[in-house]
Each structure stands twice: as structure tokens, then as C-alpha cells.
N, C-alpha and C. Protein backbone atom coordinates (compact mmCIF):
# COMPACT_ATOMS: atom_id res chain seq x y z
N UNK A 1 -21.97 4.43 1.44
CA UNK A 1 -20.67 3.82 1.81
C UNK A 1 -19.81 4.82 2.41
N UNK A 2 -19.13 4.45 3.63
CA UNK A 2 -18.24 5.34 4.26
C UNK A 2 -17.12 5.46 3.40
N UNK A 3 -16.35 6.63 3.59
CA UNK A 3 -15.10 6.95 2.88
C UNK A 3 -14.03 5.70 3.14
N UNK A 4 -13.42 5.14 2.15
CA UNK A 4 -12.37 4.14 2.62
C UNK A 4 -11.17 4.75 3.34
N UNK A 5 -10.59 3.89 4.10
CA UNK A 5 -9.28 4.32 4.73
C UNK A 5 -8.20 3.75 3.77
N UNK A 6 -6.94 4.22 4.06
CA UNK A 6 -5.86 3.83 3.39
C UNK A 6 -4.66 3.48 4.34
N UNK A 7 -3.90 2.51 3.81
CA UNK A 7 -2.63 2.21 4.62
C UNK A 7 -1.49 2.21 3.64
N UNK A 8 -0.36 2.84 3.99
CA UNK A 8 0.81 2.85 3.22
C UNK A 8 1.85 2.02 3.82
N UNK A 9 2.29 1.00 3.13
CA UNK A 9 3.18 0.05 3.64
C UNK A 9 4.67 0.64 3.82
N UNK A 10 5.14 0.71 4.88
CA UNK A 10 6.47 1.31 5.19
C UNK A 10 7.31 0.46 6.09
N UNK A 11 6.99 -0.78 6.19
CA UNK A 11 7.72 -1.77 7.10
C UNK A 11 8.91 -2.26 6.39
N UNK A 12 9.64 -3.07 6.89
CA UNK A 12 10.95 -3.82 6.29
C UNK A 12 12.07 -2.98 6.41
N UNK A 13 13.16 -3.46 5.93
CA UNK A 13 14.50 -2.96 6.26
C UNK A 13 15.18 -2.42 5.03
N UNK A 14 14.56 -2.52 3.72
CA UNK A 14 15.08 -1.85 2.48
C UNK A 14 16.49 -2.31 2.33
N UNK A 15 16.82 -3.56 2.35
CA UNK A 15 18.13 -4.08 2.36
C UNK A 15 18.75 -3.75 0.99
N UNK A 16 17.85 -3.76 0.05
CA UNK A 16 18.37 -3.65 -1.45
C UNK A 16 18.87 -2.15 -1.69
N UNK A 17 18.25 -1.25 -0.82
CA UNK A 17 18.50 0.17 -1.06
C UNK A 17 19.56 0.48 -0.07
N UNK A 18 19.88 -0.27 1.03
CA UNK A 18 21.03 -0.06 1.84
C UNK A 18 20.66 1.09 2.91
N UNK A 19 19.40 1.24 3.24
CA UNK A 19 18.88 2.22 4.21
C UNK A 19 17.80 1.53 5.13
N UNK A 20 17.52 2.10 6.31
CA UNK A 20 16.45 1.57 7.04
C UNK A 20 15.09 2.07 6.72
N UNK A 21 15.01 3.36 6.32
CA UNK A 21 13.74 3.99 6.01
C UNK A 21 13.61 4.41 4.64
N UNK A 22 13.38 3.40 3.79
CA UNK A 22 13.26 3.80 2.28
C UNK A 22 12.24 4.93 2.09
N UNK A 23 11.19 4.93 2.77
CA UNK A 23 10.20 6.01 2.60
C UNK A 23 10.73 7.44 2.69
N UNK A 24 11.75 7.55 3.56
CA UNK A 24 12.36 8.78 3.71
C UNK A 24 13.40 9.28 2.76
N UNK A 25 13.70 8.40 1.81
CA UNK A 25 14.82 8.78 0.78
C UNK A 25 14.27 9.88 -0.05
N UNK A 26 15.27 10.78 -0.53
CA UNK A 26 14.90 11.85 -1.26
C UNK A 26 14.76 11.55 -2.78
N UNK A 27 13.75 11.92 -3.34
CA UNK A 27 13.64 11.73 -4.88
C UNK A 27 13.32 13.31 -5.36
N UNK A 28 14.24 13.69 -6.02
CA UNK A 28 14.19 15.14 -6.60
C UNK A 28 13.84 16.10 -5.43
N UNK A 29 14.45 15.81 -4.43
CA UNK A 29 14.27 16.92 -3.21
C UNK A 29 13.12 16.55 -2.19
N UNK A 30 12.43 15.54 -2.51
CA UNK A 30 11.32 15.32 -1.65
C UNK A 30 11.25 13.77 -1.27
N UNK A 31 10.90 13.41 0.07
CA UNK A 31 10.90 12.02 0.49
C UNK A 31 9.79 11.13 -0.47
N UNK A 32 10.26 9.99 -0.70
CA UNK A 32 9.45 9.09 -1.54
C UNK A 32 8.11 9.03 -1.00
N UNK A 33 7.87 9.05 0.27
CA UNK A 33 6.47 8.84 0.97
C UNK A 33 5.71 10.18 0.49
N UNK A 34 6.28 11.20 0.44
CA UNK A 34 5.41 12.40 0.16
C UNK A 34 4.71 12.29 -1.18
N UNK A 35 5.29 11.75 -2.15
CA UNK A 35 4.75 11.54 -3.45
C UNK A 35 3.31 10.61 -3.32
N UNK A 36 3.48 9.62 -2.38
CA UNK A 36 2.24 8.82 -2.25
C UNK A 36 1.25 9.39 -1.29
N UNK A 37 1.62 10.18 -0.21
CA UNK A 37 0.65 10.84 0.44
C UNK A 37 -0.11 11.93 -0.32
N UNK A 38 0.64 12.59 -1.19
CA UNK A 38 0.00 13.78 -1.97
C UNK A 38 -1.12 13.22 -2.85
N UNK A 39 -0.83 12.05 -3.31
CA UNK A 39 -1.89 11.38 -4.17
C UNK A 39 -3.14 10.83 -3.47
N UNK A 40 -2.78 10.40 -2.29
CA UNK A 40 -3.93 9.63 -1.58
C UNK A 40 -4.62 10.33 -0.49
N UNK A 41 -4.02 11.50 0.14
CA UNK A 41 -4.45 11.92 1.37
C UNK A 41 -5.98 12.48 1.21
N UNK A 42 -6.25 13.05 0.20
CA UNK A 42 -7.70 13.67 0.03
C UNK A 42 -8.67 12.57 -0.33
N UNK A 43 -8.32 11.37 -0.68
CA UNK A 43 -9.39 10.27 -0.95
C UNK A 43 -9.55 9.39 0.02
N UNK A 44 -8.67 9.26 1.05
CA UNK A 44 -8.66 8.27 1.98
C UNK A 44 -8.73 8.89 3.48
N UNK A 45 -9.63 8.30 4.37
CA UNK A 45 -9.79 8.81 5.72
C UNK A 45 -10.10 7.67 6.55
N UNK A 46 -9.22 7.39 7.48
CA UNK A 46 -7.93 7.89 7.82
C UNK A 46 -6.95 7.40 6.84
N UNK A 47 -5.86 8.08 6.67
CA UNK A 47 -4.68 7.57 5.95
C UNK A 47 -3.58 7.04 7.03
N UNK A 48 -3.26 5.85 7.07
CA UNK A 48 -2.52 5.19 7.96
C UNK A 48 -1.09 4.67 7.36
N UNK A 49 -0.16 4.72 8.35
CA UNK A 49 1.23 4.25 7.85
C UNK A 49 1.68 3.12 8.70
N UNK A 50 1.84 1.98 7.87
CA UNK A 50 2.15 0.75 8.57
C UNK A 50 3.72 0.58 8.68
N UNK A 51 4.20 0.36 9.86
CA UNK A 51 5.59 0.19 10.21
C UNK A 51 5.75 -1.04 11.07
N UNK A 52 6.83 -1.62 11.24
CA UNK A 52 7.21 -2.69 11.91
C UNK A 52 7.00 -2.50 13.54
N UNK A 53 7.11 -1.25 13.88
CA UNK A 53 6.99 -0.83 15.37
C UNK A 53 6.65 0.66 15.46
N UNK A 54 6.55 0.97 16.73
CA UNK A 54 6.28 2.41 16.93
C UNK A 54 7.57 3.23 16.59
N UNK A 55 7.37 4.42 16.09
CA UNK A 55 8.42 5.27 15.53
C UNK A 55 8.06 6.74 15.44
N UNK A 56 8.96 7.64 15.76
CA UNK A 56 8.77 9.08 15.41
C UNK A 56 9.29 9.43 14.09
N UNK A 57 9.93 8.43 13.32
CA UNK A 57 10.64 8.87 12.04
C UNK A 57 9.65 9.66 11.22
N UNK A 58 8.37 9.41 11.18
CA UNK A 58 7.56 9.97 10.20
C UNK A 58 6.65 11.03 10.81
N UNK A 59 7.08 11.77 11.84
CA UNK A 59 6.21 12.70 12.59
C UNK A 59 5.83 13.82 11.73
N UNK A 60 6.65 14.10 10.73
CA UNK A 60 6.27 15.46 9.93
C UNK A 60 5.28 15.03 8.91
N UNK A 61 4.74 13.93 8.81
CA UNK A 61 3.69 13.61 7.78
C UNK A 61 2.26 13.70 8.27
N UNK A 62 2.03 13.57 9.62
CA UNK A 62 0.83 13.63 10.15
C UNK A 62 -0.03 12.51 9.98
N UNK A 63 0.61 11.29 9.95
CA UNK A 63 -0.15 10.05 9.68
C UNK A 63 -0.24 9.30 11.02
N UNK A 64 -1.35 8.61 11.20
CA UNK A 64 -1.39 7.67 12.26
C UNK A 64 -0.42 6.56 12.02
N UNK A 65 0.43 6.17 12.93
CA UNK A 65 1.26 4.89 12.70
C UNK A 65 0.56 3.71 13.26
N UNK A 66 0.53 2.57 12.39
CA UNK A 66 0.02 1.41 12.90
C UNK A 66 1.18 0.42 12.87
N UNK A 67 1.63 0.08 14.14
CA UNK A 67 2.63 -0.86 14.20
C UNK A 67 2.28 -2.34 14.12
N UNK A 68 3.17 -3.13 13.55
CA UNK A 68 2.78 -4.70 13.32
C UNK A 68 2.48 -5.16 14.66
N UNK A 69 1.38 -5.95 14.52
CA UNK A 69 0.88 -6.78 15.71
C UNK A 69 1.71 -7.92 16.01
N UNK A 70 2.58 -8.35 15.22
CA UNK A 70 3.55 -9.57 15.39
C UNK A 70 5.08 -8.93 15.38
N UNK A 71 5.78 -9.51 16.14
CA UNK A 71 7.13 -8.99 16.24
C UNK A 71 8.01 -9.47 14.95
N UNK A 72 9.09 -8.80 14.64
CA UNK A 72 9.92 -9.06 13.54
C UNK A 72 9.12 -8.84 12.26
N UNK A 73 9.77 -8.15 11.31
CA UNK A 73 9.02 -7.72 10.09
C UNK A 73 8.75 -9.19 9.33
N UNK A 74 7.51 -9.43 8.86
CA UNK A 74 7.18 -10.64 8.36
C UNK A 74 6.61 -10.49 6.96
N UNK A 75 6.63 -9.23 6.32
CA UNK A 75 5.95 -9.03 5.14
C UNK A 75 4.74 -8.30 5.10
N UNK A 76 4.34 -7.94 3.81
CA UNK A 76 3.16 -6.86 3.79
C UNK A 76 1.82 -7.32 4.35
N UNK A 77 1.75 -8.76 4.28
CA UNK A 77 0.41 -9.21 4.98
C UNK A 77 0.23 -8.89 6.28
N UNK A 78 1.43 -8.82 7.26
CA UNK A 78 1.29 -8.43 8.56
C UNK A 78 0.80 -6.88 8.64
N UNK A 79 1.23 -6.06 7.75
CA UNK A 79 0.85 -4.66 7.76
C UNK A 79 -0.54 -4.55 7.31
N UNK A 80 -1.11 -5.36 6.34
CA UNK A 80 -2.45 -5.32 6.19
C UNK A 80 -3.30 -5.86 7.31
N UNK A 81 -2.94 -6.94 8.08
CA UNK A 81 -3.52 -7.39 9.13
C UNK A 81 -3.70 -6.36 10.29
N UNK A 82 -2.61 -5.75 10.51
CA UNK A 82 -2.53 -4.87 11.64
C UNK A 82 -3.46 -3.52 11.41
N UNK A 83 -3.47 -3.22 10.01
CA UNK A 83 -4.26 -1.94 9.70
C UNK A 83 -5.92 -2.45 9.76
N UNK A 84 -6.16 -3.62 9.17
CA UNK A 84 -7.53 -3.99 9.40
C UNK A 84 -8.02 -4.11 10.75
N UNK A 85 -7.12 -4.70 11.68
CA UNK A 85 -7.60 -4.83 13.04
C UNK A 85 -7.61 -3.41 13.76
N UNK A 86 -6.60 -2.44 13.46
CA UNK A 86 -6.81 -1.09 13.94
C UNK A 86 -8.16 -0.46 13.55
N UNK A 87 -8.57 -0.65 12.26
CA UNK A 87 -9.82 -0.01 11.76
C UNK A 87 -11.03 -0.72 12.50
N UNK A 88 -10.99 -2.04 12.61
CA UNK A 88 -12.03 -2.76 13.33
C UNK A 88 -12.09 -2.23 14.79
N UNK A 89 -11.10 -1.92 15.36
CA UNK A 89 -11.08 -1.53 16.83
C UNK A 89 -11.71 0.03 16.78
N UNK A 90 -11.53 0.74 15.63
CA UNK A 90 -12.13 2.18 15.56
C UNK A 90 -13.54 2.08 15.10
N UNK A 91 -13.94 1.00 14.72
CA UNK A 91 -15.46 1.00 14.27
C UNK A 91 -15.46 1.39 12.82
N UNK A 92 -14.40 1.40 12.09
CA UNK A 92 -14.52 1.92 10.78
C UNK A 92 -14.84 0.70 9.77
N UNK A 93 -15.73 0.99 8.93
CA UNK A 93 -16.24 -0.10 7.92
C UNK A 93 -16.30 0.40 6.53
N UNK A 94 -15.50 1.23 6.07
CA UNK A 94 -15.53 1.74 4.66
C UNK A 94 -14.54 1.13 3.72
N UNK A 95 -13.97 0.11 4.13
CA UNK A 95 -12.88 -0.58 3.31
C UNK A 95 -11.55 0.08 3.44
N UNK A 96 -10.40 -0.63 2.90
CA UNK A 96 -9.06 -0.16 3.08
C UNK A 96 -8.29 -0.26 1.85
N UNK A 97 -7.69 0.80 1.42
CA UNK A 97 -6.95 0.74 0.23
C UNK A 97 -5.46 0.52 0.62
N UNK A 98 -4.84 -0.29 -0.04
CA UNK A 98 -3.45 -0.79 0.33
C UNK A 98 -2.42 -0.11 -0.72
N UNK A 99 -1.33 0.43 -0.28
CA UNK A 99 -0.37 1.00 -1.25
C UNK A 99 0.92 0.97 -0.60
N UNK A 100 2.10 0.74 -1.46
CA UNK A 100 3.36 0.83 -0.89
C UNK A 100 3.91 2.28 -0.77
N UNK A 101 4.91 2.44 0.04
CA UNK A 101 5.54 3.79 0.13
C UNK A 101 6.52 4.15 -0.89
N UNK A 102 6.77 3.26 -1.69
CA UNK A 102 7.96 3.62 -2.66
C UNK A 102 7.46 3.57 -4.17
N UNK A 103 6.21 4.03 -4.35
CA UNK A 103 5.75 4.08 -5.65
C UNK A 103 5.26 5.56 -6.12
N UNK A 104 6.25 6.34 -6.50
CA UNK A 104 6.08 7.78 -6.82
C UNK A 104 5.06 8.12 -7.79
N UNK A 105 4.59 7.20 -8.69
CA UNK A 105 3.87 7.42 -9.81
C UNK A 105 2.43 6.93 -9.60
N UNK A 106 1.95 6.63 -8.48
CA UNK A 106 0.70 6.09 -8.22
C UNK A 106 -0.51 6.98 -8.98
N UNK A 107 -1.31 6.38 -9.75
CA UNK A 107 -2.30 7.18 -10.48
C UNK A 107 -3.24 8.00 -9.58
N UNK A 108 -3.60 9.14 -9.97
CA UNK A 108 -4.47 9.98 -9.19
C UNK A 108 -5.82 9.32 -9.13
N UNK A 109 -6.31 8.57 -9.98
CA UNK A 109 -7.51 7.93 -10.05
C UNK A 109 -7.56 6.44 -9.50
N UNK A 110 -6.38 6.00 -8.82
CA UNK A 110 -6.42 4.63 -8.38
C UNK A 110 -7.40 4.17 -7.36
N UNK A 111 -7.68 5.12 -6.38
CA UNK A 111 -8.67 4.79 -5.43
C UNK A 111 -10.03 4.73 -6.06
N UNK A 112 -10.47 5.59 -6.95
CA UNK A 112 -11.74 5.55 -7.56
C UNK A 112 -11.89 4.30 -8.37
N UNK A 113 -10.91 3.90 -9.07
CA UNK A 113 -10.86 2.64 -9.99
C UNK A 113 -11.13 1.54 -9.07
N UNK A 114 -10.50 1.31 -7.91
CA UNK A 114 -10.63 0.26 -7.14
C UNK A 114 -12.10 0.26 -6.48
N UNK A 115 -12.48 1.43 -6.05
CA UNK A 115 -13.88 1.46 -5.57
C UNK A 115 -14.96 1.11 -6.45
N UNK A 116 -14.83 1.63 -7.76
CA UNK A 116 -15.78 1.38 -8.93
C UNK A 116 -15.79 -0.21 -9.16
N UNK A 117 -14.66 -0.77 -9.19
CA UNK A 117 -14.55 -2.24 -9.45
C UNK A 117 -15.20 -3.03 -8.36
N UNK A 118 -15.20 -2.51 -7.21
CA UNK A 118 -15.76 -3.31 -6.07
C UNK A 118 -17.33 -3.02 -5.84
N UNK A 119 -17.88 -2.15 -6.64
CA UNK A 119 -19.34 -1.67 -6.23
C UNK A 119 -20.18 -2.87 -6.27
N UNK A 120 -20.07 -3.89 -7.24
CA UNK A 120 -20.89 -4.92 -7.41
C UNK A 120 -20.65 -6.07 -6.51
N UNK A 121 -19.68 -6.08 -5.80
CA UNK A 121 -19.25 -7.33 -4.99
C UNK A 121 -18.50 -6.78 -3.81
N UNK A 122 -19.23 -6.68 -2.72
CA UNK A 122 -18.58 -6.22 -1.45
C UNK A 122 -17.57 -7.23 -0.68
N UNK A 123 -17.73 -8.40 -1.30
CA UNK A 123 -17.09 -9.58 -0.75
C UNK A 123 -15.63 -9.80 -1.30
N UNK A 124 -15.40 -9.13 -2.37
CA UNK A 124 -14.29 -9.54 -3.14
C UNK A 124 -13.15 -8.50 -2.88
N UNK A 125 -11.90 -8.99 -2.79
CA UNK A 125 -10.75 -8.17 -2.76
C UNK A 125 -10.56 -7.66 -4.18
N UNK A 126 -10.27 -6.29 -4.29
CA UNK A 126 -10.01 -5.84 -5.60
C UNK A 126 -8.57 -5.47 -5.80
N UNK A 127 -7.87 -5.80 -6.88
CA UNK A 127 -6.50 -5.77 -6.93
C UNK A 127 -6.13 -5.24 -8.48
N UNK A 128 -5.04 -4.62 -8.51
CA UNK A 128 -4.58 -4.16 -9.81
C UNK A 128 -3.67 -5.19 -10.49
N UNK A 129 -3.80 -5.38 -11.82
CA UNK A 129 -2.75 -6.11 -12.54
C UNK A 129 -2.16 -5.19 -13.69
N UNK A 130 -0.78 -5.16 -13.89
CA UNK A 130 -0.28 -4.33 -14.89
C UNK A 130 0.68 -5.25 -15.81
N UNK A 131 0.31 -5.08 -17.05
CA UNK A 131 1.07 -5.63 -18.08
C UNK A 131 1.09 -7.23 -17.75
N UNK A 132 -0.15 -7.69 -17.18
CA UNK A 132 -0.37 -9.08 -16.86
C UNK A 132 0.29 -9.67 -15.59
N UNK A 133 0.78 -8.68 -14.86
CA UNK A 133 1.39 -9.01 -13.58
C UNK A 133 0.61 -8.51 -12.42
N UNK A 134 0.08 -9.46 -11.55
CA UNK A 134 -0.60 -8.96 -10.41
C UNK A 134 0.21 -8.16 -9.36
N UNK A 135 -0.48 -6.98 -9.05
CA UNK A 135 0.27 -5.89 -8.08
C UNK A 135 -0.60 -5.97 -6.89
N UNK A 136 -0.35 -6.94 -6.04
CA UNK A 136 -1.19 -7.08 -4.77
C UNK A 136 -1.07 -6.06 -3.86
N UNK A 137 0.02 -5.22 -3.73
CA UNK A 137 0.14 -4.09 -2.84
C UNK A 137 -0.69 -2.87 -3.28
N UNK A 138 -1.30 -2.93 -4.44
CA UNK A 138 -2.26 -1.85 -4.86
C UNK A 138 -3.64 -2.61 -4.88
N UNK A 139 -4.37 -2.57 -3.72
CA UNK A 139 -5.60 -3.34 -3.73
C UNK A 139 -6.57 -2.73 -2.64
N UNK A 140 -7.82 -3.19 -2.70
CA UNK A 140 -8.91 -2.78 -1.83
C UNK A 140 -9.45 -3.97 -1.04
N UNK A 141 -9.35 -3.86 0.15
CA UNK A 141 -9.79 -4.91 1.16
C UNK A 141 -10.90 -4.35 1.97
N UNK A 142 -11.76 -5.34 2.62
CA UNK A 142 -12.87 -4.98 3.50
C UNK A 142 -12.70 -5.43 4.78
N UNK A 143 -13.42 -4.88 5.73
CA UNK A 143 -13.26 -5.33 7.14
C UNK A 143 -13.67 -6.95 7.43
N UNK A 144 -14.58 -7.36 6.56
CA UNK A 144 -14.88 -8.74 6.59
C UNK A 144 -13.73 -9.75 6.20
N UNK A 145 -12.74 -9.27 5.49
CA UNK A 145 -11.67 -10.00 5.17
C UNK A 145 -10.60 -10.20 6.40
N UNK A 146 -10.85 -9.53 7.41
CA UNK A 146 -10.08 -9.61 8.64
C UNK A 146 -9.69 -11.00 9.17
N UNK A 147 -10.81 -11.85 9.40
CA UNK A 147 -10.54 -13.18 9.89
C UNK A 147 -9.67 -14.07 8.95
N UNK A 148 -9.84 -13.91 7.66
CA UNK A 148 -8.98 -14.62 6.72
C UNK A 148 -7.59 -14.15 6.67
N UNK A 149 -7.40 -12.89 6.83
CA UNK A 149 -6.09 -12.32 6.92
C UNK A 149 -5.36 -12.72 8.20
N UNK A 150 -6.09 -12.70 9.29
CA UNK A 150 -5.50 -13.05 10.58
C UNK A 150 -5.24 -14.46 10.54
N UNK A 151 -5.94 -15.40 9.91
CA UNK A 151 -5.72 -16.81 10.00
C UNK A 151 -4.33 -17.04 9.08
N UNK A 152 -4.27 -16.25 7.99
CA UNK A 152 -3.00 -16.45 7.18
C UNK A 152 -1.68 -15.99 7.83
N UNK A 153 -1.89 -14.94 8.64
CA UNK A 153 -0.65 -14.37 9.14
C UNK A 153 -0.36 -15.00 10.47
N UNK A 154 -1.33 -15.20 11.31
CA UNK A 154 -1.15 -15.74 12.82
C UNK A 154 -1.11 -17.28 12.72
N UNK A 155 -2.20 -17.87 12.02
CA UNK A 155 -2.28 -19.21 12.09
C UNK A 155 -1.39 -20.03 11.06
N UNK A 156 -1.05 -19.44 9.84
CA UNK A 156 -0.28 -20.02 8.94
C UNK A 156 1.10 -19.41 8.76
N UNK A 157 1.43 -18.25 9.32
CA UNK A 157 2.76 -17.82 9.19
C UNK A 157 3.01 -17.17 8.03
N UNK A 158 2.03 -16.74 7.14
CA UNK A 158 2.36 -16.34 5.98
C UNK A 158 2.84 -14.77 5.90
N UNK A 159 3.46 -14.28 4.98
CA UNK A 159 3.91 -12.91 4.88
C UNK A 159 3.53 -12.20 3.66
N UNK A 160 3.29 -12.86 2.58
CA UNK A 160 3.04 -12.26 1.34
C UNK A 160 1.49 -12.16 1.12
N UNK A 161 1.12 -11.29 0.19
CA UNK A 161 -0.36 -10.94 -0.18
C UNK A 161 -0.86 -11.84 -1.24
N UNK A 162 -0.11 -12.32 -2.20
CA UNK A 162 -0.57 -12.93 -3.42
C UNK A 162 -1.41 -14.20 -3.14
N UNK A 163 -0.95 -15.06 -2.36
CA UNK A 163 -1.58 -16.39 -1.96
C UNK A 163 -2.88 -16.06 -1.47
N UNK A 164 -2.93 -15.23 -0.38
CA UNK A 164 -4.14 -15.00 0.24
C UNK A 164 -5.26 -14.31 -0.70
N UNK A 165 -4.81 -13.29 -1.41
CA UNK A 165 -5.63 -12.59 -2.25
C UNK A 165 -6.39 -13.43 -3.35
N UNK A 166 -5.42 -14.31 -3.88
CA UNK A 166 -6.16 -15.28 -4.95
C UNK A 166 -6.84 -16.36 -4.39
N UNK A 167 -6.73 -16.59 -3.11
CA UNK A 167 -7.62 -17.66 -2.53
C UNK A 167 -8.88 -17.16 -1.98
N UNK A 168 -9.09 -15.92 -1.89
CA UNK A 168 -10.32 -15.18 -1.59
C UNK A 168 -11.06 -14.86 -2.77
N UNK A 169 -12.43 -14.60 -2.61
CA UNK A 169 -13.12 -13.97 -3.78
C UNK A 169 -12.51 -12.68 -4.18
N UNK A 170 -12.14 -12.53 -5.52
CA UNK A 170 -11.38 -11.30 -5.89
C UNK A 170 -11.67 -10.87 -7.39
N UNK A 171 -11.32 -9.66 -7.52
CA UNK A 171 -11.56 -9.11 -8.91
C UNK A 171 -10.26 -8.44 -9.21
N UNK A 172 -9.73 -8.64 -10.50
CA UNK A 172 -8.49 -8.01 -10.96
C UNK A 172 -8.88 -7.11 -11.95
N UNK A 173 -8.25 -5.78 -11.94
CA UNK A 173 -8.40 -4.70 -12.75
C UNK A 173 -7.07 -4.55 -13.57
N UNK A 174 -7.22 -4.88 -14.83
CA UNK A 174 -6.00 -4.63 -15.74
C UNK A 174 -5.80 -3.25 -16.17
N UNK A 175 -4.74 -2.60 -15.66
CA UNK A 175 -4.33 -1.16 -15.96
C UNK A 175 -3.72 -0.97 -17.26
N UNK A 176 -4.11 0.07 -17.95
CA UNK A 176 -3.60 0.35 -19.21
C UNK A 176 -2.04 0.74 -19.21
N UNK A 177 -1.33 0.26 -20.11
CA UNK A 177 0.19 0.51 -20.18
C UNK A 177 0.31 2.02 -20.30
N UNK A 178 1.28 2.48 -19.48
CA UNK A 178 1.66 3.90 -19.56
C UNK A 178 3.19 4.12 -19.26
N UNK A 179 3.75 5.20 -19.59
CA UNK A 179 5.16 5.39 -19.23
C UNK A 179 5.20 6.71 -18.53
N UNK A 180 5.94 6.69 -17.26
CA UNK A 180 6.47 5.48 -16.65
C UNK A 180 5.21 4.68 -16.11
N UNK A 181 5.83 3.44 -15.76
CA UNK A 181 4.71 2.50 -15.28
C UNK A 181 4.02 3.19 -13.88
N UNK A 182 2.74 3.24 -13.71
CA UNK A 182 2.19 3.85 -12.62
C UNK A 182 2.40 3.03 -11.33
N UNK A 183 2.99 1.86 -11.55
CA UNK A 183 3.15 1.00 -10.23
C UNK A 183 4.59 0.64 -10.21
N UNK A 184 5.48 1.50 -10.76
CA UNK A 184 6.84 1.34 -10.57
C UNK A 184 7.30 1.50 -9.17
N UNK A 185 8.10 0.48 -8.58
CA UNK A 185 8.50 0.53 -7.14
C UNK A 185 9.99 0.88 -7.19
N UNK A 186 10.46 1.66 -6.21
CA UNK A 186 11.84 2.04 -6.06
C UNK A 186 12.45 1.13 -4.97
N UNK A 187 13.27 0.16 -5.41
CA UNK A 187 13.80 -0.83 -4.52
C UNK A 187 15.27 -0.77 -4.42
N UNK A 188 15.99 -0.18 -5.40
CA UNK A 188 17.29 -0.11 -5.54
C UNK A 188 17.72 1.41 -5.85
N UNK A 189 19.13 1.64 -5.57
CA UNK A 189 19.62 2.95 -5.84
C UNK A 189 19.37 3.22 -7.44
N UNK A 190 19.60 2.25 -8.28
CA UNK A 190 19.37 2.43 -9.68
C UNK A 190 18.02 2.84 -10.13
N UNK A 191 17.09 2.21 -9.44
CA UNK A 191 15.56 2.52 -9.66
C UNK A 191 15.21 4.03 -9.08
N UNK A 192 15.98 4.37 -8.01
CA UNK A 192 15.72 5.75 -7.59
C UNK A 192 16.21 6.69 -8.66
N UNK A 193 17.35 6.41 -9.23
CA UNK A 193 17.79 7.27 -10.38
C UNK A 193 16.92 7.25 -11.56
N UNK A 194 16.37 6.04 -11.95
CA UNK A 194 15.50 5.93 -12.98
C UNK A 194 14.24 6.77 -12.68
N UNK A 195 13.65 6.86 -11.56
CA UNK A 195 12.55 7.56 -11.17
C UNK A 195 12.84 9.12 -11.25
N UNK A 196 14.01 9.51 -11.04
CA UNK A 196 14.33 10.87 -10.99
C UNK A 196 14.30 11.25 -12.40
N UNK A 197 14.86 10.41 -13.36
CA UNK A 197 14.93 10.78 -14.74
C UNK A 197 13.47 10.81 -15.36
N UNK A 198 12.58 10.09 -14.94
CA UNK A 198 11.13 10.02 -15.42
C UNK A 198 10.56 11.46 -14.90
N UNK A 199 10.79 11.64 -13.62
CA UNK A 199 10.29 12.94 -13.06
C UNK A 199 10.83 14.13 -13.76
N UNK A 200 12.02 14.21 -14.09
CA UNK A 200 12.48 15.30 -14.92
C UNK A 200 11.95 15.44 -16.27
N UNK A 201 11.52 14.20 -16.99
CA UNK A 201 10.92 14.26 -18.20
C UNK A 201 9.45 14.67 -18.09
N UNK A 202 8.93 14.42 -17.08
CA UNK A 202 7.43 14.67 -16.89
C UNK A 202 7.24 16.15 -16.75
N UNK A 203 8.28 16.83 -15.96
CA UNK A 203 8.21 18.25 -15.71
C UNK A 203 9.02 19.14 -16.58
N UNK A 204 9.50 18.57 -17.67
CA UNK A 204 10.33 19.36 -18.61
C UNK A 204 9.40 20.21 -19.34
């Protein structure tokens, strides 16, 4: 099996955070995005960054930018669709791991767990559940899912991942409870402060 690719979702306007580029917000002196790339870069090739349009905002990260194929930000499903189409055009067939840009505590073994769970069923989407809640932005997709993703985005106008994921063959991996949550998302200024507190505790 070819090494899987990865795409980090960095589209949207981060309205709850009050900034345009949440991925570039500093958490303890480092951009949020850096925490994610540090965990994933060695395990995924290529590692892509999904944005709503072409941009030079992330030039220091050395990632290939995949702009949304549809105008106006429509949700993470458009980022997935655009990344799968990009990989298909490149002839890549090793699967695609999806992650958000605002999750500083992504587990080191996330990619391996997703790959192991999908070994016996190459047709299934593999996704994480944490404390009984589906986490669709932490998931593994295959090139063969592209037609269904395209239909959901282009044909049905969908933007969210959960409906499509659960309508396809899928397998859910329930992650053990840890502190802080490995799938903690930074969506508000308060959550950014909470993440900083956790990082200080972890490095104390």
C-alpha cells in the first residue's frame, strides 16, 4: 500500500475566533497549524493544506495548497472533495487522512490507528469517535470515495462530513479517554487559553 496522503482543513472564516486565519493564531508562541504539521508530516506524503482559495499566507509551512473547487466556503466536505480530486489528478492511490488545523493535541499514533482499522476493508471510511461522539474531521478516506463525495458536494450541495460518512461503508474507532482530549478543537479565544493551560501542564 502506498503511503497515505494527508489534508489539513484550514478553510472557513473563524468567525467565533474573530480572525481570518485561525491556523496562524499563536499558541504558546507557535502557530496552531505547526502543532498539527509536527505530528503528521513524517507519516503522510504529500501533506496538503485545504483553503477556500489560493493564498501565500502559509508559505512558511512548505505545504501544497489545495484550493476549494467550488466558490464560497461551504464546509469541510468541500475541502475533502478538492483534496481527493487533487490526489486523483496526481495519480495517488494511498488513501487520504483528514485533520483540522486547530487540534494541537492530535495523537502521535492517529495515522497508524486509522490505517490499522482500515486494513481489512479498503472500501470503508475510517473515523474516530471520542467519548461516544463521532469526530468526522479525523478520518481516513480512499480515492474510490471521490464519486460519492463529489455527488454530495456538487450534486446535493452538502458541506458537512457526518451525513456522507455515515451513509457510506464505514468503521468507527472509539478512542480512549485522555486529558486533554486528543481531539480538542480551538474555536474560541477561551479555548485557545484552555489549550495554553494544558500545554503548560504537559511541559511542567
